Amino acid sequence: MKNTFFSLIVLTLALTACKAPPSNSNNQEAVRPPVREVAKQPTQVASESSYTQYKDGVIGNGEESVLFFHATWCPACKANNEKLNAWYGSDSFGRSVYKIDFDTATDLRSQFGVTGQDTFILIDGNGNEVDRARFPSESVLRDLLG
């Protein structure tokens, strides 16, 4: 009796799982819109370098860039943030800097092996690390900016 009941349940589940989609009132199959795959495009880089928040697509976008791992509670990060805001407001640099929240960007920290805040990483156009500075002096920071 148990085997018969079990077989009946399995058969019912198999039949209901394989149901055809419902048809519309004209006895035609329901028309579903085609699924479009959206190609992930790299972030377009402005012709002029900038200091902005990090966004997906920066790594490997064909441009040398600097990743700035900062923390809001870090005094050195705050000082470098002020410098970058002032410099990019008045001077021209060859590379853009992307500000990354050290506390929340665990995947990026892991990807680049970042273990502390106020870390700057220069990456090439393919996203490979070229240079790194932690708690950089003003001259080292300016050199990273190109």
N, C-alpha and C. Protein backbone atom coordinates (compact mmCIF):
# COMPACT_ATOMS: atom_id res chain seq x y z
N MET A 1 0.81 -1.18 0.00
CA MET A 1 0.00 0.00 0.00
C MET A 1 0.87 1.26 0.00
N LYS A 2 1.93 1.25 0.84
CA LYS A 2 2.81 2.41 0.90
C LYS A 2 3.49 2.65 -0.45
N ASN A 3 3.96 1.57 -1.09
CA ASN A 3 4.62 1.71 -2.39
C ASN A 3 3.68 2.25 -3.45
N THR A 4 2.42 1.83 -3.43
CA THR A 4 1.44 2.31 -4.40
C THR A 4 1.18 3.79 -4.19
N PHE A 5 0.99 4.19 -2.94
CA PHE A 5 0.75 5.59 -2.62
C PHE A 5 1.95 6.44 -3.02
N PHE A 6 3.15 5.99 -2.71
CA PHE A 6 4.37 6.71 -3.06
C PHE A 6 4.49 6.83 -4.58
N SER A 7 4.21 5.76 -5.30
CA SER A 7 4.28 5.78 -6.77
C SER A 7 3.28 6.76 -7.35
N LEU A 8 2.09 6.83 -6.75
CA LEU A 8 1.06 7.75 -7.21
C LEU A 8 1.50 9.21 -7.02
N ILE A 9 2.12 9.51 -5.91
CA ILE A 9 2.62 10.87 -5.64
C ILE A 9 3.71 11.24 -6.63
N VAL A 10 4.66 10.34 -6.85
CA VAL A 10 5.76 10.59 -7.78
C VAL A 10 5.22 10.83 -9.18
N LEU A 11 4.27 10.00 -9.61
CA LEU A 11 3.68 10.14 -10.94
C LEU A 11 2.93 11.46 -11.07
N THR A 12 2.19 11.86 -10.04
CA THR A 12 1.47 13.14 -10.05
C THR A 12 2.44 14.31 -10.15
N LEU A 13 3.50 14.28 -9.38
CA LEU A 13 4.50 15.35 -9.43
C LEU A 13 5.17 15.42 -10.80
N ALA A 14 5.47 14.28 -11.37
CA ALA A 14 6.12 14.25 -12.68
C ALA A 14 5.20 14.81 -13.75
N LEU A 15 3.94 14.46 -13.70
CA LEU A 15 2.99 14.95 -14.70
C LEU A 15 2.71 16.44 -14.56
N THR A 16 2.59 16.93 -13.35
CA THR A 16 2.31 18.36 -13.16
C THR A 16 3.53 19.21 -13.45
N ALA A 17 4.71 18.67 -13.26
CA ALA A 17 5.94 19.43 -13.55
C ALA A 17 6.16 19.57 -15.05
N CYS A 18 5.59 18.71 -15.84
CA CYS A 18 5.80 18.73 -17.29
C CYS A 18 4.63 19.32 -18.05
N LYS A 19 3.76 20.06 -17.39
CA LYS A 19 2.61 20.65 -18.07
C LYS A 19 3.06 21.64 -19.12
N ALA A 20 2.33 21.68 -20.21
CA ALA A 20 2.58 22.68 -21.25
C ALA A 20 2.07 24.02 -20.75
N PRO A 21 2.66 25.12 -21.24
CA PRO A 21 2.18 26.44 -20.81
C PRO A 21 0.75 26.65 -21.29
N PRO A 22 -0.05 27.41 -20.53
CA PRO A 22 -1.44 27.63 -20.91
C PRO A 22 -1.52 28.39 -22.21
N SER A 23 -2.56 28.09 -22.98
CA SER A 23 -2.74 28.80 -24.24
C SER A 23 -3.77 29.89 -24.06
N ASN A 24 -3.79 30.85 -25.00
CA ASN A 24 -4.74 31.94 -24.88
C ASN A 24 -6.11 31.50 -25.36
N SER A 25 -7.08 32.40 -25.35
CA SER A 25 -8.47 32.03 -25.66
C SER A 25 -8.67 31.62 -27.11
N ASN A 26 -7.76 31.93 -28.00
CA ASN A 26 -7.89 31.54 -29.41
C ASN A 26 -7.29 30.17 -29.67
N ASN A 27 -6.98 29.45 -28.61
CA ASN A 27 -6.39 28.11 -28.73
C ASN A 27 -5.01 28.15 -29.39
N GLN A 28 -4.32 29.28 -29.26
CA GLN A 28 -2.96 29.41 -29.77
C GLN A 28 -2.03 29.48 -28.57
N GLU A 29 -0.79 29.12 -28.79
CA GLU A 29 0.18 29.20 -27.70
C GLU A 29 0.37 30.65 -27.30
N ALA A 30 0.55 30.87 -26.01
CA ALA A 30 0.80 32.22 -25.53
C ALA A 30 2.12 32.70 -26.10
N VAL A 31 2.13 33.92 -26.57
CA VAL A 31 3.34 34.48 -27.15
C VAL A 31 4.11 35.19 -26.05
N ARG A 32 5.35 34.78 -25.88
CA ARG A 32 6.21 35.39 -24.88
C ARG A 32 7.24 36.25 -25.59
N PRO A 33 7.54 37.40 -25.03
CA PRO A 33 8.55 38.23 -25.68
C PRO A 33 9.90 37.54 -25.64
N PRO A 34 10.71 37.73 -26.67
CA PRO A 34 12.03 37.09 -26.68
C PRO A 34 12.89 37.63 -25.56
N VAL A 35 13.74 36.77 -25.04
CA VAL A 35 14.66 37.17 -23.99
C VAL A 35 15.87 37.81 -24.66
N ARG A 36 16.16 39.03 -24.25
CA ARG A 36 17.33 39.72 -24.80
C ARG A 36 18.46 39.68 -23.80
N GLU A 37 19.61 39.33 -24.27
CA GLU A 37 20.78 39.39 -23.41
C GLU A 37 21.39 40.77 -23.56
N VAL A 38 21.66 41.39 -22.44
CA VAL A 38 22.26 42.72 -22.46
C VAL A 38 23.75 42.56 -22.28
N ALA A 39 24.48 43.00 -23.27
CA ALA A 39 25.94 42.91 -23.18
C ALA A 39 26.43 43.95 -22.19
N LYS A 40 27.33 43.55 -21.32
CA LYS A 40 27.88 44.47 -20.35
C LYS A 40 28.94 45.32 -21.02
N GLN A 41 28.66 46.59 -21.13
CA GLN A 41 29.57 47.53 -21.78
C GLN A 41 30.49 48.15 -20.74
N PRO A 42 31.75 48.36 -21.10
CA PRO A 42 32.62 49.04 -20.15
C PRO A 42 32.16 50.47 -19.95
N THR A 43 32.44 50.98 -18.76
CA THR A 43 32.09 52.36 -18.46
C THR A 43 32.86 53.29 -19.38
N GLN A 44 32.16 54.23 -19.95
CA GLN A 44 32.82 55.21 -20.80
C GLN A 44 33.62 56.17 -19.91
N VAL A 45 34.84 56.40 -20.29
CA VAL A 45 35.70 57.28 -19.53
C VAL A 45 35.67 58.66 -20.17
N ALA A 46 35.51 59.65 -19.35
CA ALA A 46 35.50 61.02 -19.87
C ALA A 46 36.85 61.34 -20.48
N SER A 47 36.87 62.25 -21.44
CA SER A 47 38.12 62.60 -22.09
C SER A 47 39.07 63.28 -21.12
N GLU A 48 38.52 63.82 -20.05
CA GLU A 48 39.32 64.48 -19.03
C GLU A 48 39.32 63.61 -17.78
N SER A 49 40.43 63.53 -17.10
CA SER A 49 40.49 62.72 -15.90
C SER A 49 39.63 63.34 -14.80
N SER A 50 39.19 62.50 -13.85
CA SER A 50 38.31 62.99 -12.80
C SER A 50 38.53 62.21 -11.51
N TYR A 51 37.93 62.72 -10.46
CA TYR A 51 37.93 62.05 -9.16
C TYR A 51 36.47 61.78 -8.83
N THR A 52 36.06 60.50 -8.89
CA THR A 52 34.66 60.14 -8.69
C THR A 52 34.54 58.84 -7.91
N GLN A 53 33.31 58.51 -7.56
CA GLN A 53 33.01 57.25 -6.89
C GLN A 53 33.23 56.09 -7.87
N TYR A 54 33.68 54.98 -7.37
CA TYR A 54 33.88 53.78 -8.18
C TYR A 54 32.53 53.28 -8.68
N LYS A 55 32.52 52.75 -9.90
CA LYS A 55 31.33 52.09 -10.45
C LYS A 55 31.78 50.90 -11.27
N ASP A 56 30.89 49.92 -11.43
CA ASP A 56 31.21 48.74 -12.23
C ASP A 56 31.62 49.17 -13.63
N GLY A 57 32.58 48.49 -14.19
CA GLY A 57 33.04 48.78 -15.54
C GLY A 57 34.32 49.58 -15.59
N VAL A 58 34.78 50.09 -14.45
CA VAL A 58 36.02 50.88 -14.42
C VAL A 58 37.23 49.98 -14.67
N ILE A 59 37.23 48.81 -14.05
CA ILE A 59 38.36 47.90 -14.17
C ILE A 59 38.30 47.24 -15.54
N GLY A 60 39.36 47.41 -16.31
CA GLY A 60 39.42 46.82 -17.64
C GLY A 60 38.75 47.66 -18.72
N ASN A 61 38.58 48.96 -18.47
CA ASN A 61 37.90 49.82 -19.44
C ASN A 61 38.85 50.40 -20.50
N GLY A 62 40.10 49.96 -20.50
CA GLY A 62 41.05 50.45 -21.49
C GLY A 62 41.84 51.67 -21.04
N GLU A 63 41.56 52.18 -19.87
CA GLU A 63 42.24 53.39 -19.36
C GLU A 63 43.01 53.07 -18.08
N GLU A 64 44.19 53.66 -17.97
CA GLU A 64 44.91 53.58 -16.69
C GLU A 64 44.11 54.39 -15.68
N SER A 65 43.94 53.84 -14.49
CA SER A 65 43.17 54.50 -13.45
C SER A 65 43.81 54.23 -12.10
N VAL A 66 43.36 54.99 -11.10
CA VAL A 66 43.83 54.79 -9.73
C VAL A 66 42.61 54.46 -8.88
N LEU A 67 42.72 53.38 -8.12
CA LEU A 67 41.67 52.99 -7.18
C LEU A 67 42.08 53.46 -5.79
N PHE A 68 41.22 54.21 -5.13
CA PHE A 68 41.50 54.76 -3.81
C PHE A 68 40.58 54.07 -2.80
N PHE A 69 41.14 53.17 -1.99
CA PHE A 69 40.39 52.48 -0.96
C PHE A 69 40.41 53.35 0.29
N HIS A 70 39.29 53.98 0.59
CA HIS A 70 39.21 54.92 1.71
C HIS A 70 38.20 54.44 2.74
N ALA A 71 38.29 55.01 3.92
CA ALA A 71 37.31 54.76 4.98
C ALA A 71 36.91 56.11 5.56
N THR A 72 35.63 56.28 5.83
CA THR A 72 35.14 57.57 6.32
C THR A 72 35.69 57.92 7.70
N TRP A 73 36.12 56.93 8.45
CA TRP A 73 36.62 57.13 9.80
C TRP A 73 38.14 57.32 9.85
N CYS A 74 38.80 57.25 8.71
CA CYS A 74 40.27 57.29 8.64
C CYS A 74 40.76 58.72 8.42
N PRO A 75 41.53 59.28 9.37
CA PRO A 75 42.02 60.66 9.21
C PRO A 75 42.89 60.85 7.96
N ALA A 76 43.76 59.90 7.65
CA ALA A 76 44.62 60.02 6.46
C ALA A 76 43.77 59.99 5.19
N CYS A 77 42.73 59.16 5.18
CA CYS A 77 41.84 59.09 4.01
C CYS A 77 41.12 60.41 3.81
N LYS A 78 40.65 60.99 4.92
CA LYS A 78 39.96 62.29 4.83
C LYS A 78 40.89 63.35 4.27
N ALA A 79 42.13 63.37 4.72
CA ALA A 79 43.09 64.36 4.23
C ALA A 79 43.37 64.16 2.74
N ASN A 80 43.55 62.91 2.32
CA ASN A 80 43.81 62.65 0.90
C ASN A 80 42.56 62.92 0.04
N ASN A 81 41.39 62.68 0.58
CA ASN A 81 40.16 63.00 -0.12
C ASN A 81 40.08 64.51 -0.38
N GLU A 82 40.41 65.31 0.63
CA GLU A 82 40.41 66.78 0.47
C GLU A 82 41.43 67.21 -0.58
N LYS A 83 42.63 66.61 -0.56
CA LYS A 83 43.65 66.94 -1.56
C LYS A 83 43.15 66.62 -2.96
N LEU A 84 42.59 65.42 -3.14
CA LEU A 84 42.12 65.01 -4.45
C LEU A 84 41.00 65.92 -4.96
N ASN A 85 40.07 66.28 -4.08
CA ASN A 85 39.00 67.19 -4.48
C ASN A 85 39.56 68.54 -4.93
N ALA A 86 40.53 69.03 -4.20
CA ALA A 86 41.13 70.32 -4.56
C ALA A 86 41.95 70.21 -5.84
N TRP A 87 42.77 69.18 -5.96
CA TRP A 87 43.62 69.03 -7.13
C TRP A 87 42.81 68.84 -8.41
N TYR A 88 41.81 67.96 -8.35
CA TYR A 88 41.02 67.71 -9.57
C TYR A 88 40.12 68.89 -9.90
N GLY A 89 39.91 69.77 -8.93
CA GLY A 89 39.14 70.98 -9.21
C GLY A 89 39.96 72.06 -9.88
N SER A 90 41.30 71.96 -9.78
CA SER A 90 42.13 73.04 -10.31
C SER A 90 43.20 72.58 -11.30
N ASP A 91 43.72 71.38 -11.13
CA ASP A 91 44.79 70.89 -11.99
C ASP A 91 44.29 69.81 -12.94
N SER A 92 45.12 69.46 -13.90
CA SER A 92 44.79 68.41 -14.86
C SER A 92 45.74 67.23 -14.62
N PHE A 93 45.18 66.04 -14.59
CA PHE A 93 45.98 64.84 -14.38
C PHE A 93 45.70 63.85 -15.48
N GLY A 94 46.62 62.93 -15.70
CA GLY A 94 46.49 61.95 -16.77
C GLY A 94 45.60 60.77 -16.43
N ARG A 95 45.29 60.57 -15.16
CA ARG A 95 44.51 59.41 -14.76
C ARG A 95 43.33 59.82 -13.88
N SER A 96 42.26 59.08 -14.01
CA SER A 96 41.12 59.26 -13.12
C SER A 96 41.34 58.45 -11.85
N VAL A 97 40.79 58.96 -10.75
CA VAL A 97 40.84 58.27 -9.47
C VAL A 97 39.42 57.88 -9.09
N TYR A 98 39.25 56.62 -8.68
CA TYR A 98 37.94 56.12 -8.29
C TYR A 98 37.97 55.77 -6.81
N LYS A 99 37.10 56.42 -6.08
CA LYS A 99 37.01 56.28 -4.62
C LYS A 99 36.18 55.04 -4.29
N ILE A 100 36.75 54.14 -3.48
CA ILE A 100 36.10 52.88 -3.12
C ILE A 100 36.00 52.81 -1.60
N ASP A 101 34.81 52.52 -1.10
CA ASP A 101 34.59 52.42 0.34
C ASP A 101 35.26 51.14 0.86
N PHE A 102 36.29 51.32 1.65
CA PHE A 102 37.07 50.21 2.19
C PHE A 102 36.20 49.24 3.00
N ASP A 103 35.25 49.78 3.75
CA ASP A 103 34.44 48.95 4.64
C ASP A 103 33.42 48.07 3.92
N THR A 104 32.95 48.47 2.75
CA THR A 104 31.89 47.71 2.08
C THR A 104 32.35 46.97 0.83
N ALA A 105 33.46 47.36 0.24
CA ALA A 105 33.91 46.76 -1.03
C ALA A 105 34.80 45.54 -0.78
N THR A 106 34.25 44.55 -0.12
CA THR A 106 35.06 43.38 0.26
C THR A 106 35.54 42.59 -0.96
N ASP A 107 34.73 42.51 -2.01
CA ASP A 107 35.15 41.78 -3.22
C ASP A 107 36.35 42.45 -3.88
N LEU A 108 36.31 43.77 -4.01
CA LEU A 108 37.43 44.49 -4.62
C LEU A 108 38.66 44.43 -3.72
N ARG A 109 38.45 44.53 -2.41
CA ARG A 109 39.60 44.41 -1.50
C ARG A 109 40.26 43.06 -1.68
N SER A 110 39.47 42.04 -1.76
CA SER A 110 40.00 40.69 -1.94
C SER A 110 40.69 40.55 -3.30
N GLN A 111 40.07 41.07 -4.34
CA GLN A 111 40.63 40.98 -5.70
C GLN A 111 42.02 41.59 -5.78
N PHE A 112 42.22 42.71 -5.09
CA PHE A 112 43.51 43.40 -5.16
C PHE A 112 44.38 43.18 -3.92
N GLY A 113 43.93 42.35 -2.98
CA GLY A 113 44.73 42.06 -1.80
C GLY A 113 44.94 43.28 -0.90
N VAL A 114 43.93 44.12 -0.79
CA VAL A 114 44.02 45.33 0.03
C VAL A 114 43.69 44.96 1.47
N THR A 115 44.62 45.27 2.37
CA THR A 115 44.43 44.92 3.78
C THR A 115 44.24 46.13 4.68
N GLY A 116 44.37 47.33 4.13
CA GLY A 116 44.21 48.52 4.95
C GLY A 116 43.70 49.69 4.14
N GLN A 117 43.04 50.60 4.85
CA GLN A 117 42.50 51.79 4.20
C GLN A 117 43.63 52.73 3.78
N ASP A 118 43.27 53.79 3.04
CA ASP A 118 44.20 54.77 2.46
C ASP A 118 45.22 54.07 1.57
N THR A 119 44.71 53.14 0.77
CA THR A 119 45.52 52.41 -0.20
C THR A 119 45.15 52.88 -1.60
N PHE A 120 46.16 53.21 -2.38
CA PHE A 120 45.98 53.64 -3.76
C PHE A 120 46.61 52.60 -4.67
N ILE A 121 45.85 52.16 -5.69
CA ILE A 121 46.36 51.15 -6.62
C ILE A 121 46.22 51.69 -8.04
N LEU A 122 47.34 51.78 -8.74
CA LEU A 122 47.35 52.17 -10.15
C LEU A 122 47.12 50.90 -10.95
N ILE A 123 46.09 50.93 -11.83
CA ILE A 123 45.80 49.77 -12.69
C ILE A 123 45.95 50.17 -14.15
N ASP A 124 46.33 49.21 -14.98
CA ASP A 124 46.43 49.48 -16.41
C ASP A 124 45.05 49.33 -17.05
N GLY A 125 44.98 49.49 -18.34
CA GLY A 125 43.71 49.44 -19.06
C GLY A 125 43.01 48.10 -18.99
N ASN A 126 43.75 47.04 -18.65
CA ASN A 126 43.15 45.71 -18.51
C ASN A 126 42.76 45.38 -17.07
N GLY A 127 43.03 46.31 -16.15
CA GLY A 127 42.70 46.09 -14.75
C GLY A 127 43.78 45.43 -13.94
N ASN A 128 45.00 45.34 -14.49
CA ASN A 128 46.11 44.74 -13.77
C ASN A 128 46.83 45.79 -12.94
N GLU A 129 47.23 45.40 -11.74
CA GLU A 129 47.94 46.33 -10.87
C GLU A 129 49.31 46.66 -11.44
N VAL A 130 49.61 47.97 -11.45
CA VAL A 130 50.91 48.46 -11.93
C VAL A 130 51.74 48.96 -10.76
N ASP A 131 51.08 49.65 -9.83
CA ASP A 131 51.78 50.24 -8.70
C ASP A 131 50.80 50.35 -7.53
N ARG A 132 51.36 50.48 -6.33
CA ARG A 132 50.54 50.58 -5.12
C ARG A 132 51.23 51.49 -4.12
N ALA A 133 50.42 52.27 -3.39
CA ALA A 133 50.95 53.12 -2.32
C ALA A 133 49.94 53.13 -1.18
N ARG A 134 50.44 53.01 0.02
CA ARG A 134 49.59 53.06 1.21
C ARG A 134 50.05 54.23 2.06
N PHE A 135 49.11 55.07 2.47
CA PHE A 135 49.42 56.30 3.20
C PHE A 135 50.50 57.09 2.45
N PRO A 136 50.25 57.40 1.17
CA PRO A 136 51.30 58.03 0.35
C PRO A 136 51.59 59.47 0.76
N SER A 137 52.84 59.86 0.51
CA SER A 137 53.19 61.27 0.67
C SER A 137 52.53 62.04 -0.47
N GLU A 138 52.54 63.36 -0.39
CA GLU A 138 51.93 64.20 -1.42
C GLU A 138 52.60 63.98 -2.77
N SER A 139 53.92 63.86 -2.78
CA SER A 139 54.63 63.67 -4.07
C SER A 139 54.34 62.29 -4.67
N VAL A 140 54.27 61.26 -3.85
CA VAL A 140 53.94 59.91 -4.35
C VAL A 140 52.51 59.90 -4.91
N LEU A 141 51.60 60.55 -4.21
CA LEU A 141 50.22 60.61 -4.67
C LEU A 141 50.12 61.34 -6.01
N ARG A 142 50.81 62.47 -6.15
CA ARG A 142 50.79 63.21 -7.42
C ARG A 142 51.39 62.36 -8.55
N ASP A 143 52.43 61.59 -8.25
CA ASP A 143 53.02 60.72 -9.28
C ASP A 143 52.02 59.66 -9.75
N LEU A 144 51.22 59.11 -8.83
CA LEU A 144 50.21 58.11 -9.20
C LEU A 144 49.15 58.70 -10.13
N LEU A 145 48.88 59.99 -9.97
CA LEU A 145 47.82 60.64 -10.75
C LEU A 145 48.24 60.92 -12.19
N GLY A 146 49.52 60.76 -12.48
CA GLY A 146 50.01 60.94 -13.85
C GLY A 146 50.26 62.37 -14.15
